PDB file of N, CA and C in Angstrom:
ATOM      1  N   UNK A   1       3.644  37.521   3.984  1.00  0.00           N
ATOM      2  CA  UNK A   1       4.898  37.002   3.431  1.00  0.00           C
ATOM      3  C   UNK A   1       5.240  37.862   2.248  1.00  0.00           C
ATOM      4  N   UNK A   2       6.467  38.334   2.267  1.00  0.00           N
ATOM      5  CA  UNK A   2       7.026  39.175   1.250  1.00  0.00           C
ATOM      6  C   UNK A   2       7.569  38.383   0.110  1.00  0.00           C
ATOM      7  N   UNK A   3       7.813  39.134  -0.985  1.00  0.00           N
ATOM      8  CA  UNK A   3       8.487  38.464  -2.075  1.00  0.00           C
ATOM      9  C   UNK A   3       9.954  38.313  -1.762  1.00  0.00           C
ATOM     10  N   UNK A   4      10.359  37.101  -1.817  1.00  0.00           N
ATOM     11  CA  UNK A   4      11.839  36.864  -1.558  1.00  0.00           C
ATOM     12  C   UNK A   4      12.188  35.599  -2.153  1.00  0.00           C
ATOM     13  N   UNK A   5      13.498  35.441  -2.349  1.00  0.00           N
ATOM     14  CA  UNK A   5      13.974  34.238  -2.878  1.00  0.00           C
ATOM     15  C   UNK A   5      14.246  33.261  -1.753  1.00  0.00           C
ATOM     16  N   UNK A   6      13.880  32.028  -2.014  1.00  0.00           N
ATOM     17  CA  UNK A   6      14.092  30.958  -0.986  1.00  0.00           C
ATOM     18  C   UNK A   6      15.587  30.709  -0.896  1.00  0.00           C
ATOM     19  N   UNK A   7      16.133  30.718   0.331  1.00  0.00           N
ATOM     20  CA  UNK A   7      17.532  30.502   0.487  1.00  0.00           C
ATOM     21  C   UNK A   7      17.674  28.984   0.721  1.00  0.00           C
ATOM     22  N   UNK A   8      18.530  28.363  -0.085  1.00  0.00           N
ATOM     23  CA  UNK A   8      18.800  26.953   0.097  1.00  0.00           C
ATOM     24  C   UNK A   8      19.795  26.758   1.255  1.00  0.00           C
ATOM     25  N   UNK A   9      19.508  25.687   1.973  1.00  0.00           N
ATOM     26  CA  UNK A   9      20.301  25.383   3.130  1.00  0.00           C
ATOM     27  C   UNK A   9      21.378  24.373   2.684  1.00  0.00           C
ATOM     28  N   UNK A  10      22.340  24.091   3.581  1.00  0.00           N
ATOM     29  CA  UNK A  10      23.294  23.073   3.308  1.00  0.00           C
ATOM     30  C   UNK A  10      22.621  21.728   3.052  1.00  0.00           C
ATOM     31  N   UNK A  11      21.616  21.391   3.853  1.00  0.00           N
ATOM     32  CA  UNK A  11      20.847  20.195   3.706  1.00  0.00           C
ATOM     33  C   UNK A  11      20.230  20.112   2.287  1.00  0.00           C
ATOM     34  N   UNK A  12      19.629  21.211   1.844  1.00  0.00           N
ATOM     35  CA  UNK A  12      19.039  21.201   0.534  1.00  0.00           C
ATOM     36  C   UNK A  12      20.056  20.913  -0.555  1.00  0.00           C
ATOM     37  N   UNK A  13      21.224  21.552  -0.422  1.00  0.00           N
ATOM     38  CA  UNK A  13      22.220  21.272  -1.450  1.00  0.00           C
ATOM     39  C   UNK A  13      22.722  19.808  -1.417  1.00  0.00           C
ATOM     40  N   UNK A  14      22.882  19.275  -0.252  1.00  0.00           N
ATOM     41  CA  UNK A  14      23.364  17.901  -0.095  1.00  0.00           C
ATOM     42  C   UNK A  14      22.363  16.941  -0.680  1.00  0.00           C
ATOM     43  N   UNK A  15      21.057  17.209  -0.368  1.00  0.00           N
ATOM     44  CA  UNK A  15      19.955  16.369  -0.859  1.00  0.00           C
ATOM     45  C   UNK A  15      19.887  16.393  -2.444  1.00  0.00           C
ATOM     46  N   UNK A  16      20.000  17.617  -2.948  1.00  0.00           N
ATOM     47  CA  UNK A  16      19.984  17.754  -4.391  1.00  0.00           C
ATOM     48  C   UNK A  16      21.183  17.070  -5.062  1.00  0.00           C
ATOM     49  N   UNK A  17      22.346  17.112  -4.386  1.00  0.00           N
ATOM     50  CA  UNK A  17      23.497  16.416  -4.895  1.00  0.00           C
ATOM     51  C   UNK A  17      23.308  14.942  -4.831  1.00  0.00           C
ATOM     52  N   UNK A  18      22.723  14.439  -3.770  1.00  0.00           N
ATOM     53  CA  UNK A  18      22.424  12.995  -3.637  1.00  0.00           C
ATOM     54  C   UNK A  18      21.555  12.560  -4.770  1.00  0.00           C
ATOM     55  N   UNK A  19      20.448  13.295  -5.064  1.00  0.00           N
ATOM     56  CA  UNK A  19      19.552  12.917  -6.129  1.00  0.00           C
ATOM     57  C   UNK A  19      20.295  12.911  -7.466  1.00  0.00           C
ATOM     58  N   UNK A  20      21.165  13.904  -7.665  1.00  0.00           N
ATOM     59  CA  UNK A  20      21.944  13.971  -8.897  1.00  0.00           C
ATOM     60  C   UNK A  20      22.840  12.731  -9.031  1.00  0.00           C
ATOM     61  N   UNK A  21      23.524  12.347  -8.017  1.00  0.00           N
ATOM     62  CA  UNK A  21      24.340  11.159  -7.986  1.00  0.00           C
ATOM     63  C   UNK A  21      23.554   9.933  -8.325  1.00  0.00           C
ATOM     64  N   UNK A  22      22.399   9.821  -7.753  1.00  0.00           N
ATOM     65  CA  UNK A  22      21.526   8.627  -7.982  1.00  0.00           C
ATOM     66  C   UNK A  22      21.174   8.563  -9.458  1.00  0.00           C
ATOM     67  N   UNK A  23      20.823   9.653 -10.037  1.00  0.00           N
ATOM     68  CA  UNK A  23      20.446   9.655 -11.451  1.00  0.00           C
ATOM     69  C   UNK A  23      21.599   9.368 -12.392  1.00  0.00           C
ATOM     70  N   UNK A  24      22.746   9.897 -12.075  1.00  0.00           N
ATOM     71  CA  UNK A  24      23.910   9.724 -12.973  1.00  0.00           C
ATOM     72  C   UNK A  24      24.596   8.391 -12.879  1.00  0.00           C
ATOM     73  N   UNK A  25      24.625   7.743 -11.681  1.00  0.00           N
ATOM     74  CA  UNK A  25      25.413   6.503 -11.565  1.00  0.00           C
ATOM     75  C   UNK A  25      24.686   5.242 -11.878  1.00  0.00           C
ATOM     76  N   UNK A  26      23.400   5.282 -12.089  1.00  0.00           N
ATOM     77  CA  UNK A  26      22.682   4.036 -12.443  1.00  0.00           C
ATOM     78  C   UNK A  26      22.382   3.113 -11.290  1.00  0.00           C
ATOM     79  N   UNK A  27      22.394   3.614 -10.055  1.00  0.00           N
ATOM     80  CA  UNK A  27      22.191   2.745  -8.876  1.00  0.00           C
ATOM     81  C   UNK A  27      20.733   2.218  -8.856  1.00  0.00           C
ATOM     82  N   UNK A  28      19.859   2.878  -9.578  1.00  0.00           N
ATOM     83  CA  UNK A  28      18.461   2.424  -9.520  1.00  0.00           C
ATOM     84  C   UNK A  28      18.322   0.993 -10.124  1.00  0.00           C
ATOM     85  N   UNK A  29      19.225   0.619 -10.996  1.00  0.00           N
ATOM     86  CA  UNK A  29      19.158  -0.756 -11.601  1.00  0.00           C
ATOM     87  C   UNK A  29      19.973  -1.759 -10.804  1.00  0.00           C
ATOM     88  N   UNK A  30      20.660  -1.366  -9.770  1.00  0.00           N
ATOM     89  CA  UNK A  30      21.509  -2.278  -8.956  1.00  0.00           C
ATOM     90  C   UNK A  30      20.587  -3.106  -8.061  1.00  0.00           C
ATOM     91  N   UNK A  31      21.190  -4.282  -7.596  1.00  0.00           N
ATOM     92  CA  UNK A  31      20.440  -5.065  -6.674  1.00  0.00           C
ATOM     93  C   UNK A  31      20.509  -4.428  -5.269  1.00  0.00           C
ATOM     94  N   UNK A  32      19.715  -4.916  -4.380  1.00  0.00           N
ATOM     95  CA  UNK A  32      19.600  -4.286  -3.024  1.00  0.00           C
ATOM     96  C   UNK A  32      20.981  -4.209  -2.300  1.00  0.00           C
ATOM     97  N   UNK A  33      21.761  -5.284  -2.350  1.00  0.00           N
ATOM     98  CA  UNK A  33      23.022  -5.293  -1.665  1.00  0.00           C
ATOM     99  C   UNK A  33      23.959  -4.202  -2.152  1.00  0.00           C
ATOM    100  N   UNK A  34      24.087  -4.068  -3.502  1.00  0.00           N
ATOM    101  CA  UNK A  34      24.968  -3.037  -4.034  1.00  0.00           C
ATOM    102  C   UNK A  34      24.415  -1.632  -3.824  1.00  0.00           C
ATOM    103  N   UNK A  35      23.083  -1.506  -3.887  1.00  0.00           N
ATOM    104  CA  UNK A  35      22.471  -0.223  -3.661  1.00  0.00           C
ATOM    105  C   UNK A  35      22.772   0.290  -2.233  1.00  0.00           C
ATOM    106  N   UNK A  36      22.694  -0.634  -1.228  1.00  0.00           N
ATOM    107  CA  UNK A  36      22.969  -0.286   0.130  1.00  0.00           C
ATOM    108  C   UNK A  36      24.425   0.149   0.284  1.00  0.00           C
ATOM    109  N   UNK A  37      25.375  -0.564  -0.287  1.00  0.00           N
ATOM    110  CA  UNK A  37      26.786  -0.228  -0.226  1.00  0.00           C
ATOM    111  C   UNK A  37      27.014   1.138  -0.904  1.00  0.00           C
ATOM    112  N   UNK A  38      26.393   1.358  -2.023  1.00  0.00           N
ATOM    113  CA  UNK A  38      26.566   2.592  -2.730  1.00  0.00           C
ATOM    114  C   UNK A  38      26.055   3.744  -1.935  1.00  0.00           C
ATOM    115  N   UNK A  39      24.881   3.575  -1.287  1.00  0.00           N
ATOM    116  CA  UNK A  39      24.258   4.660  -0.500  1.00  0.00           C
ATOM    117  C   UNK A  39      25.146   4.964   0.743  1.00  0.00           C
ATOM    118  N   UNK A  40      25.724   3.974   1.347  1.00  0.00           N
ATOM    119  CA  UNK A  40      26.614   4.193   2.537  1.00  0.00           C
ATOM    120  C   UNK A  40      27.828   5.001   2.020  1.00  0.00           C
ATOM    121  N   UNK A  41      28.464   4.581   0.882  1.00  0.00           N
ATOM    122  CA  UNK A  41      29.646   5.318   0.426  1.00  0.00           C
ATOM    123  C   UNK A  41      29.295   6.771   0.040  1.00  0.00           C
ATOM    124  N   UNK A  42      28.103   6.951  -0.549  1.00  0.00           N
ATOM    125  CA  UNK A  42      27.693   8.281  -0.962  1.00  0.00           C
ATOM    126  C   UNK A  42      27.415   9.138   0.238  1.00  0.00           C
ATOM    127  N   UNK A  43      26.830   8.550   1.257  1.00  0.00           N
ATOM    128  CA  UNK A  43      26.561   9.307   2.484  1.00  0.00           C
ATOM    129  C   UNK A  43      27.871   9.721   3.179  1.00  0.00           C
ATOM    130  N   UNK A  44      28.810   8.814   3.141  1.00  0.00           N
ATOM    131  CA  UNK A  44      30.153   9.139   3.710  1.00  0.00           C
ATOM    132  C   UNK A  44      30.790  10.254   2.915  1.00  0.00           C
ATOM    133  N   UNK A  45      30.628  10.268   1.535  1.00  0.00           N
ATOM    134  CA  UNK A  45      31.158  11.361   0.779  1.00  0.00           C
ATOM    135  C   UNK A  45      30.416  12.657   1.126  1.00  0.00           C
ATOM    136  N   UNK A  46      29.156  12.649   1.290  1.00  0.00           N
ATOM    137  CA  UNK A  46      28.379  13.896   1.617  1.00  0.00           C
ATOM    138  C   UNK A  46      28.756  14.382   2.998  1.00  0.00           C
ATOM    139  N   UNK A  47      29.062  13.464   3.943  1.00  0.00           N
ATOM    140  CA  UNK A  47      29.549  13.890   5.260  1.00  0.00           C
ATOM    141  C   UNK A  47      30.853  14.652   5.184  1.00  0.00           C
ATOM    142  N   UNK A  48      31.785  14.244   4.284  1.00  0.00           N
ATOM    143  CA  UNK A  48      33.043  14.898   4.146  1.00  0.00           C
ATOM    144  C   UNK A  48      32.799  16.223   3.378  1.00  0.00           C
ATOM    145  N   UNK A  49      31.962  16.218   2.364  1.00  0.00           N
ATOM    146  CA  UNK A  49      31.746  17.390   1.571  1.00  0.00           C
ATOM    147  C   UNK A  49      30.972  18.519   2.270  1.00  0.00           C
ATOM    148  N   UNK A  50      30.046  18.105   3.127  1.00  0.00           N
ATOM    149  CA  UNK A  50      29.261  19.070   3.880  1.00  0.00           C
ATOM    150  C   UNK A  50      29.416  18.792   5.386  1.00  0.00           C
ATOM    151  N   UNK A  51      30.503  19.208   5.969  1.00  0.00           N
ATOM    152  CA  UNK A  51      30.786  18.976   7.373  1.00  0.00           C
ATOM    153  C   UNK A  51      29.773  19.631   8.315  1.00  0.00           C
ATOM    154  N   UNK A  52      28.970  20.572   7.774  1.00  0.00           N
ATOM    155  CA  UNK A  52      27.999  21.293   8.577  1.00  0.00           C
ATOM    156  C   UNK A  52      26.787  20.415   8.976  1.00  0.00           C
ATOM    157  N   UNK A  53      26.632  19.315   8.193  1.00  0.00           N
ATOM    158  CA  UNK A  53      25.466  18.400   8.435  1.00  0.00           C
ATOM    159  C   UNK A  53      25.698  17.658   9.735  1.00  0.00           C
ATOM    160  N   UNK A  54      24.572  17.592  10.504  1.00  0.00           N
ATOM    161  CA  UNK A  54      24.747  16.808  11.712  1.00  0.00           C
ATOM    162  C   UNK A  54      24.276  15.358  11.494  1.00  0.00           C
ATOM    163  N   UNK A  55      24.355  14.490  12.513  1.00  0.00           N
ATOM    164  CA  UNK A  55      23.981  13.108  12.380  1.00  0.00           C
ATOM    165  C   UNK A  55      22.597  12.855  11.936  1.00  0.00           C
ATOM    166  N   UNK A  56      21.638  13.677  12.509  1.00  0.00           N
ATOM    167  CA  UNK A  56      20.196  13.514  12.149  1.00  0.00           C
ATOM    168  C   UNK A  56      19.994  13.865  10.657  1.00  0.00           C
ATOM    169  N   UNK A  57      20.641  14.893  10.175  1.00  0.00           N
ATOM    170  CA  UNK A  57      20.516  15.275   8.749  1.00  0.00           C
ATOM    171  C   UNK A  57      21.099  14.245   7.854  1.00  0.00           C
ATOM    172  N   UNK A  58      22.218  13.660   8.249  1.00  0.00           N
ATOM    173  CA  UNK A  58      22.824  12.583   7.449  1.00  0.00           C
ATOM    174  C   UNK A  58      21.957  11.354   7.416  1.00  0.00           C
ATOM    175  N   UNK A  59      21.376  11.046   8.547  1.00  0.00           N
ATOM    176  CA  UNK A  59      20.399   9.903   8.643  1.00  0.00           C
ATOM    177  C   UNK A  59      19.225  10.187   7.733  1.00  0.00           C
ATOM    178  N   UNK A  60      18.732  11.402   7.717  1.00  0.00           N
ATOM    179  CA  UNK A  60      17.581  11.734   6.869  1.00  0.00           C
ATOM    180  C   UNK A  60      17.948  11.649   5.395  1.00  0.00           C
ATOM    181  N   UNK A  61      19.170  12.076   5.056  1.00  0.00           N
ATOM    182  CA  UNK A  61      19.633  11.937   3.686  1.00  0.00           C
ATOM    183  C   UNK A  61      19.719  10.463   3.289  1.00  0.00           C
ATOM    184  N   UNK A  62      20.196   9.640   4.158  1.00  0.00           N
ATOM    185  CA  UNK A  62      20.249   8.170   3.852  1.00  0.00           C
ATOM    186  C   UNK A  62      18.876   7.630   3.658  1.00  0.00           C
ATOM    187  N   UNK A  63      17.890   8.008   4.513  1.00  0.00           N
ATOM    188  CA  UNK A  63      16.517   7.575   4.352  1.00  0.00           C
ATOM    189  C   UNK A  63      15.888   8.035   3.062  1.00  0.00           C
ATOM    190  N   UNK A  64      16.097   9.323   2.794  1.00  0.00           N
ATOM    191  CA  UNK A  64      15.539   9.891   1.533  1.00  0.00           C
ATOM    192  C   UNK A  64      16.133   9.173   0.333  1.00  0.00           C
ATOM    193  N   UNK A  65      17.450   8.942   0.350  1.00  0.00           N
ATOM    194  CA  UNK A  65      18.081   8.317  -0.763  1.00  0.00           C
ATOM    195  C   UNK A  65      17.637   6.865  -0.902  1.00  0.00           C
ATOM    196  N   UNK A  66      17.482   6.181   0.186  1.00  0.00           N
ATOM    197  CA  UNK A  66      16.945   4.747   0.122  1.00  0.00           C
ATOM    198  C   UNK A  66      15.533   4.742  -0.447  1.00  0.00           C
ATOM    199  N   UNK A  67      14.707   5.621  -0.014  1.00  0.00           N
ATOM    200  CA  UNK A  67      13.299   5.676  -0.526  1.00  0.00           C
ATOM    201  C   UNK A  67      13.278   5.997  -2.023  1.00  0.00           C
ATOM    202  N   UNK A  68      14.135   6.900  -2.418  1.00  0.00           N
ATOM    203  CA  UNK A  68      14.231   7.349  -3.864  1.00  0.00           C
ATOM    204  C   UNK A  68      14.685   6.212  -4.705  1.00  0.00           C
ATOM    205  N   UNK A  69      15.593   5.344  -4.190  1.00  0.00           N
ATOM    206  CA  UNK A  69      16.088   4.249  -4.949  1.00  0.00           C
ATOM    207  C   UNK A  69      15.139   3.072  -4.999  1.00  0.00           C
ATOM    208  N   UNK A  70      14.140   3.086  -4.128  1.00  0.00           N
ATOM    209  CA  UNK A  70      13.156   2.010  -4.091  1.00  0.00           C
ATOM    210  C   UNK A  70      11.797   2.523  -4.430  1.00  0.00           C
ATOM    211  N   UNK A  71      11.470   2.636  -5.668  1.00  0.00           N
ATOM    212  CA  UNK A  71      10.201   3.136  -6.100  1.00  0.00           C
ATOM    213  C   UNK A  71       9.020   2.320  -5.539  1.00  0.00           C
ATOM    214  N   UNK A  72       7.875   2.896  -5.328  1.00  0.00           N
ATOM    215  CA  UNK A  72       6.730   2.192  -4.816  1.00  0.00           C
ATOM    216  C   UNK A  72       6.271   1.136  -5.791  1.00  0.00           C
ATOM    217  N   UNK A  73       6.401   1.402  -7.067  1.00  0.00           N
ATOM    218  CA  UNK A  73       5.997   0.456  -8.096  1.00  0.00           C
ATOM    219  C   UNK A  73       7.235  -0.015  -8.809  1.00  0.00           C
ATOM    220  N   UNK A  74       7.524  -1.263  -8.707  1.00  0.00           N
ATOM    221  CA  UNK A  74       8.662  -1.848  -9.371  1.00  0.00           C
ATOM    222  C   UNK A  74       8.299  -2.096 -10.800  1.00  0.00           C
ATOM    223  N   UNK A  75       9.172  -1.716 -11.648  1.00  0.00           N
ATOM    224  CA  UNK A  75       8.956  -2.032 -13.131  1.00  0.00           C
ATOM    225  C   UNK A  75       9.785  -3.260 -13.415  1.00  0.00           C
ATOM    226  N   UNK A  76       9.116  -4.309 -13.752  1.00  0.00           N
ATOM    227  CA  UNK A  76       9.736  -5.547 -14.063  1.00  0.00           C
ATOM    228  C   UNK A  76       9.494  -5.932 -15.515  1.00  0.00           C
ATOM    229  N   UNK A  77      10.454  -6.627 -16.047  1.00  0.00           N
ATOM    230  CA  UNK A  77      10.279  -7.046 -17.487  1.00  0.00           C
ATOM    231  C   UNK A  77       9.288  -8.187 -17.461  1.00  0.00           C
ATOM    232  N   UNK A  78       8.351  -8.076 -18.426  1.00  0.00           N
ATOM    233  CA  UNK A  78       7.384  -9.111 -18.591  1.00  0.00           C
ATOM    234  C   UNK A  78       7.611  -9.799 -19.930  1.00  0.00           C
ATOM    235  N   UNK A  79       7.628 -11.146 -19.869  1.00  0.00           N
ATOM    236  CA  UNK A  79       7.788 -11.860 -21.168  1.00  0.00           C
ATOM    237  C   UNK A  79       6.576 -11.680 -21.987  1.00  0.00           C
ATOM    238  N   UNK A  80       6.773 -11.351 -23.232  1.00  0.00           N
ATOM    239  CA  UNK A  80       5.674 -11.166 -24.137  1.00  0.00           C
ATOM    240  C   UNK A  80       5.303 -12.569 -24.678  1.00  0.00           C
ATOM    241  N   UNK A  81       3.956 -12.814 -24.733  1.00  0.00           N
ATOM    242  CA  UNK A  81       3.517 -14.117 -25.249  1.00  0.00           C
ATOM    243  C   UNK A  81       3.227 -13.986 -26.735  1.00  0.00           C
ATOM    244  N   UNK A  82       3.406 -15.114 -27.411  1.00  0.00           N
ATOM    245  CA  UNK A  82       3.085 -15.125 -28.820  1.00  0.00           C
ATOM    246  C   UNK A  82       1.592 -14.950 -29.009  1.00  0.00           C
ATOM    247  N   UNK A  83       1.112 -14.603 -30.169  1.00  0.00           N
ATOM    248  CA  UNK A  83      -0.316 -14.494 -30.356  1.00  0.00           C
ATOM    249  C   UNK A  83      -1.047 -15.814 -30.161  1.00  0.00           C
ATOM    250  N   UNK A  84      -0.409 -16.962 -30.482  1.00  0.00           N
ATOM    251  CA  UNK A  84      -0.978 -18.281 -30.233  1.00  0.00           C
ATOM    252  C   UNK A  84      -1.130 -18.545 -28.754  1.00  0.00           C
ATOM    253  N   UNK A  85      -0.112 -18.188 -27.953  1.00  0.00           N
ATOM    254  CA  UNK A  85      -0.216 -18.297 -26.460  1.00  0.00           C
ATOM    255  C   UNK A  85      -1.314 -17.432 -25.871  1.00  0.00           C
ATOM    256  N   UNK A  86      -1.483 -16.266 -26.406  1.00  0.00           N
ATOM    257  CA  UNK A  86      -2.530 -15.334 -25.914  1.00  0.00           C
ATOM    258  C   UNK A  86      -3.885 -15.948 -26.209  1.00  0.00           C
ATOM    259  N   UNK A  87      -4.104 -16.525 -27.383  1.00  0.00           N
ATOM    260  CA  UNK A  87      -5.375 -17.115 -27.764  1.00  0.00           C
ATOM    261  C   UNK A  87      -5.621 -18.344 -26.841  1.00  0.00           C
ATOM    262  N   UNK A  88      -4.598 -19.176 -26.610  1.00  0.00           N
ATOM    263  CA  UNK A  88      -4.714 -20.338 -25.766  1.00  0.00           C
ATOM    264  C   UNK A  88      -5.111 -19.926 -24.336  1.00  0.00           C
ATOM    265  N   UNK A  89      -4.429 -18.920 -23.795  1.00  0.00           N
ATOM    266  CA  UNK A  89      -4.694 -18.422 -22.435  1.00  0.00           C
ATOM    267  C   UNK A  89      -6.130 -17.889 -22.346  1.00  0.00           C
ATOM    268  N   UNK A  90      -6.596 -17.152 -23.378  1.00  0.00           N
ATOM    269  CA  UNK A  90      -7.963 -16.608 -23.353  1.00  0.00           C
ATOM    270  C   UNK A  90      -8.914 -17.742 -23.417  1.00  0.00           C
ATOM    271  N   UNK A  91      -8.697 -18.742 -24.230  1.00  0.00           N
ATOM    272  CA  UNK A  91      -9.657 -19.908 -24.298  1.00  0.00           C
ATOM    273  C   UNK A  91      -9.687 -20.628 -22.939  1.00  0.00           C
ATOM    274  N   UNK A  92      -8.546 -20.805 -22.334  1.00  0.00           N
ATOM    275  CA  UNK A  92      -8.496 -21.505 -21.012  1.00  0.00           C
ATOM    276  C   UNK A  92      -9.340 -20.679 -19.975  1.00  0.00           C
ATOM    277  N   UNK A  93      -9.101 -19.421 -19.985  1.00  0.00           N
ATOM    278  CA  UNK A  93      -9.871 -18.525 -19.035  1.00  0.00           C
ATOM    279  C   UNK A  93     -11.339 -18.653 -19.275  1.00  0.00           C
ATOM    280  N   UNK A  94     -11.742 -18.692 -20.548  1.00  0.00           N
ATOM    281  CA  UNK A  94     -13.170 -18.818 -20.844  1.00  0.00           C
ATOM    282  C   UNK A  94     -13.724 -20.149 -20.401  1.00  0.00           C
ATOM    283  N   UNK A  95     -12.981 -21.178 -20.583  1.00  0.00           N
ATOM    284  CA  UNK A  95     -13.424 -22.561 -20.168  1.00  0.00           C
ATOM    285  C   UNK A  95     -13.534 -22.613 -18.692  1.00  0.00           C
ATOM    286  N   UNK A  96     -12.493 -22.017 -18.006  1.00  0.00           N
ATOM    287  CA  UNK A  96     -12.492 -22.103 -16.544  1.00  0.00           C
ATOM    288  C   UNK A  96     -13.648 -21.336 -15.937  1.00  0.00           C
ATOM    289  N   UNK A  97     -14.014 -20.232 -16.591  1.00  0.00           N
ATOM    290  CA  UNK A  97     -15.059 -19.401 -16.013  1.00  0.00           C
ATOM    291  C   UNK A  97     -16.495 -19.855 -16.418  1.00  0.00           C
ATOM    292  N   UNK A  98     -16.538 -20.682 -17.389  1.00  0.00           N
ATOM    293  CA  UNK A  98     -17.864 -21.183 -17.791  1.00  0.00           C
ATOM    294  C   UNK A  98     -18.512 -21.981 -16.729  1.00  0.00           C
ATOM    295  N   UNK A  99     -19.684 -21.663 -16.405  1.00  0.00           N
ATOM    296  CA  UNK A  99     -20.382 -22.348 -15.328  1.00  0.00           C
ATOM    297  C   UNK A  99     -20.104 -21.827 -13.933  1.00  0.00           C
ATOM    298  N   UNK A 100     -19.043 -21.077 -13.771  1.00  0.00           N
ATOM    299  CA  UNK A 100     -18.778 -20.544 -12.458  1.00  0.00           C
ATOM    300  C   UNK A 100     -19.161 -19.066 -12.332  1.00  0.00           C
ATOM    301  N   UNK A 101     -19.300 -18.396 -13.419  1.00  0.00           N
ATOM    302  CA  UNK A 101     -19.719 -17.026 -13.394  1.00  0.00           C
ATOM    303  C   UNK A 101     -20.896 -16.859 -14.370  1.00  0.00           C
ATOM    304  N   UNK A 102     -22.043 -16.431 -13.836  1.00  0.00           N
ATOM    305  CA  UNK A 102     -23.202 -16.215 -14.669  1.00  0.00           C
ATOM    306  C   UNK A 102     -23.311 -14.670 -14.858  1.00  0.00           C
ATOM    307  N   UNK A 103     -23.793 -14.273 -16.021  1.00  0.00           N
ATOM    308  CA  UNK A 103     -24.000 -12.829 -16.192  1.00  0.00           C
ATOM    309  C   UNK A 103     -25.193 -12.401 -15.341  1.00  0.00           C
ATOM    310  N   UNK A 104     -25.043 -11.199 -14.787  1.00  0.00           N
ATOM    311  CA  UNK A 104     -26.116 -10.684 -13.959  1.00  0.00           C
ATOM    312  C   UNK A 104     -27.043  -9.842 -14.761  1.00  0.00           C
ATOM    313  N   UNK A 105     -28.319 -10.224 -14.733  1.00  0.00           N
ATOM    314  CA  UNK A 105     -29.293  -9.455 -15.491  1.00  0.00           C
ATOM    315  C   UNK A 105     -29.903  -8.460 -14.486  1.00  0.00           C
ATOM    316  N   UNK A 106     -29.900  -7.153 -14.812  1.00  0.00           N
ATOM    317  CA  UNK A 106     -30.441  -6.183 -13.861  1.00  0.00           C
ATOM    318  C   UNK A 106     -31.907  -6.428 -13.524  1.00  0.00           C
ATOM    319  N   UNK A 107     -32.664  -7.105 -14.439  1.00  0.00           N
ATOM    320  CA  UNK A 107     -34.026  -7.437 -14.132  1.00  0.00           C
ATOM    321  C   UNK A 107     -34.253  -8.428 -13.071  1.00  0.00           C
ATOM    322  N   UNK A 108     -33.158  -9.221 -12.819  1.00  0.00           N
ATOM    323  CA  UNK A 108     -33.257 -10.257 -11.741  1.00  0.00           C
ATOM    324  C   UNK A 108     -32.671  -9.805 -10.443  1.00  0.00           C
ATOM    325  N   UNK A 109     -32.257  -8.557 -10.355  1.00  0.00           N
ATOM    326  CA  UNK A 109     -31.629  -8.039  -9.167  1.00  0.00           C
ATOM    327  C   UNK A 109     -32.602  -7.147  -8.429  1.00  0.00           C
ATOM    328  N   UNK A 110     -32.860  -7.446  -7.114  1.00  0.00           N
ATOM    329  CA  UNK A 110     -33.742  -6.647  -6.358  1.00  0.00           C
ATOM    330  C   UNK A 110     -33.021  -6.048  -5.212  1.00  0.00           C
ATOM    331  N   UNK A 111     -33.019  -4.722  -5.011  1.00  0.00           N
ATOM    332  CA  UNK A 111     -32.439  -4.016  -3.887  1.00  0.00           C
ATOM    333  C   UNK A 111     -31.046  -4.493  -3.585  1.00  0.00           C
ATOM    334  N   UNK A 112     -30.241  -4.652  -4.692  1.00  0.00           N
ATOM    335  CA  UNK A 112     -28.834  -5.041  -4.439  1.00  0.00           C
ATOM    336  C   UNK A 112     -28.559  -6.519  -4.209  1.00  0.00           C
ATOM    337  N   UNK A 113     -29.683  -7.322  -4.163  1.00  0.00           N
ATOM    338  CA  UNK A 113     -29.504  -8.754  -3.976  1.00  0.00           C
ATOM    339  C   UNK A 113     -29.748  -9.533  -5.276  1.00  0.00           C
ATOM    340  N   UNK A 114     -28.911 -10.528  -5.485  1.00  0.00           N
ATOM    341  CA  UNK A 114     -29.055 -11.291  -6.688  1.00  0.00           C
ATOM    342  C   UNK A 114     -30.029 -12.492  -6.443  1.00  0.00           C
ATOM    343  N   UNK A 115     -30.843 -12.736  -7.446  1.00  0.00           N
ATOM    344  CA  UNK A 115     -31.695 -13.927  -7.393  1.00  0.00           C
ATOM    345  C   UNK A 115     -30.989 -14.998  -8.255  1.00  0.00           C
ATOM    346  N   UNK A 116     -31.131 -16.218  -7.876  1.00  0.00           N
ATOM    347  CA  UNK A 116     -30.556 -17.291  -8.669  1.00  0.00           C
ATOM    348  C   UNK A 116     -31.237 -17.342 -10.013  1.00  0.00           C
ATOM    349  N   UNK A 117     -30.490 -17.393 -11.073  1.00  0.00           N
ATOM    350  CA  UNK A 117     -31.081 -17.540 -12.399  1.00  0.00           C
ATOM    351  C   UNK A 117     -30.334 -18.701 -13.079  1.00  0.00           C
ATOM    352  N   UNK A 118     -31.135 -19.551 -13.648  1.00  0.00           N
ATOM    353  CA  UNK A 118     -30.516 -20.689 -14.408  1.00  0.00           C
ATOM    354  C   UNK A 118     -30.192 -20.219 -15.795  1.00  0.00           C
ATOM    355  N   UNK A 119     -29.032 -20.597 -16.195  1.00  0.00           N
ATOM    356  CA  UNK A 119     -28.577 -20.245 -17.558  1.00  0.00           C
ATOM    357  C   UNK A 119     -28.551 -21.439 -18.405  1.00  0.00           C
ATOM    358  N   UNK A 120     -29.245 -21.421 -19.467  1.00  0.00           N
ATOM    359  CA  UNK A 120     -29.399 -22.585 -20.337  1.00  0.00           C
ATOM    360  C   UNK A 120     -28.408 -22.569 -21.468  1.00  0.00           C
TER     361      UNK A 120
END
């Protein structure tokens, strides 16, 4: 393979433009219905802007855009609890687990099997 510059295709430019639009317009924060409408409108725009793209390429752009707009890990807002609520929750968890979980002493474990140990 020789040294050469990678030539971008029409598809590459359309994909990059799609990603740019996604970043600039704030569609990542939209609900699913509005995101779908936006993606359809944007794909229609790309179809007009890049008439060289065929149906398969436009479908692939739609799929790529949809995946990009739906991250694998959703970031949701979590209500912060007050220090008092955190202490109460920790105390409840400790009470709930008392008697149901015993600490495992390595001396009482033989070949990966636990022996019953009474905790006083």
